[in-house]
Amino acid sequence: MFAEQHPEFSNLNPKAVVMDLALTYHPSICECVARALRIADRFHAHDYVIKSVQAIRKSIRSPLSPQAKP
């Protein structure tokens, strides 16, 4: 386990952790600093918002006539 290999993390007592949203990081964060609030870094939060807006835009645009699409 990560905490066993890095005991210095158990001495930390952060209130929040800014992190990448990749699922591979979550187990280590939960193990080492379970009480800390997890905050998505702005790059990944922005990326998720843009992807969601693009998906909505495409779903609304697809049934439109070719003249209405532009």
Protein backbone atom coordinates (compact mmCIF):
# COMPACT_ATOMS: atom_id res chain seq x y z
CA MET A 1 0.00 0.00 0.00
CA PHE A 2 1.05 3.56 -0.68
CA ALA A 3 0.82 4.65 2.95
CA GLU A 4 3.14 1.84 4.06
CA GLN A 5 5.74 2.83 1.47
CA HIS A 6 5.44 6.54 2.30
CA PRO A 7 4.86 6.89 6.07
CA GLU A 8 5.52 10.63 5.94
CA PHE A 9 2.06 11.07 4.41
CA SER A 10 0.43 9.87 7.61
CA ASN A 11 2.00 12.85 9.40
CA LEU A 12 0.28 15.29 7.08
CA ASN A 13 -3.14 16.49 8.07
CA PRO A 14 -4.40 18.49 5.08
CA LYS A 15 -7.87 19.98 5.04
CA ALA A 16 -8.08 19.70 1.25
CA VAL A 17 -6.25 18.02 -1.62
CA VAL A 18 -6.25 19.45 -5.14
CA MET A 19 -5.88 16.52 -7.47
CA ASP A 20 -6.20 15.08 -10.92
CA LEU A 21 -9.55 13.37 -11.37
CA ALA A 22 -8.07 10.14 -12.71
CA LEU A 23 -9.49 7.19 -10.80
CA THR A 24 -5.99 5.81 -10.22
CA TYR A 25 -5.29 8.58 -7.66
CA HIS A 26 -8.41 8.15 -5.54
CA PRO A 27 -7.42 4.99 -3.62
CA SER A 28 -4.10 6.52 -2.52
CA ILE A 29 -5.75 9.77 -1.45
CA CYS A 30 -8.48 7.90 0.44
CA GLU A 31 -5.87 5.75 2.15
CA CYS A 32 -3.46 8.54 3.09
CA VAL A 33 -5.68 11.55 3.76
CA ALA A 34 -9.22 10.18 4.00
CA ARG A 35 -10.65 13.20 5.82
CA ALA A 36 -9.34 15.76 3.33
CA LEU A 37 -11.74 17.40 0.92
CA ARG A 38 -10.87 16.38 -2.64
CA ILE A 39 -10.89 19.27 -5.11
CA ALA A 40 -10.62 18.82 -8.87
CA ASP A 41 -7.81 20.77 -10.43
CA ARG A 42 -9.03 23.51 -12.76
CA PHE A 43 -7.68 21.93 -15.94
CA HIS A 44 -9.68 18.73 -15.49
CA ALA A 45 -12.79 20.49 -14.21
CA HIS A 46 -12.67 22.78 -17.26
CA ASP A 47 -12.14 19.79 -19.56
CA TYR A 48 -15.21 17.98 -18.16
CA VAL A 49 -17.37 21.09 -18.56
CA ILE A 50 -16.25 21.67 -22.15
CA LYS A 51 -16.85 18.03 -23.10
CA SER A 52 -20.32 18.12 -21.55
CA VAL A 53 -21.26 21.35 -23.31
CA GLN A 54 -19.99 19.98 -26.64
CA ALA A 55 -22.04 16.78 -26.20
CA ILE A 56 -25.19 18.82 -25.49
CA ARG A 57 -24.50 21.12 -28.43
CA LYS A 58 -24.09 18.14 -30.78
CA SER A 59 -27.22 16.42 -29.52
CA ILE A 60 -29.29 19.58 -30.06
CA ARG A 61 -27.76 20.31 -33.45
CA SER A 62 -28.11 16.86 -35.02
CA PRO A 63 -31.89 16.90 -35.60
CA LEU A 64 -31.81 20.37 -37.18
CA SER A 65 -32.17 20.91 -40.89
CA PRO A 66 -28.94 21.67 -42.79
CA GLN A 67 -30.04 25.31 -43.20
CA ALA A 68 -30.52 25.73 -39.44
CA LYS A 69 -27.19 24.20 -38.38
CA PRO A 70 -24.94 27.20 -39.06
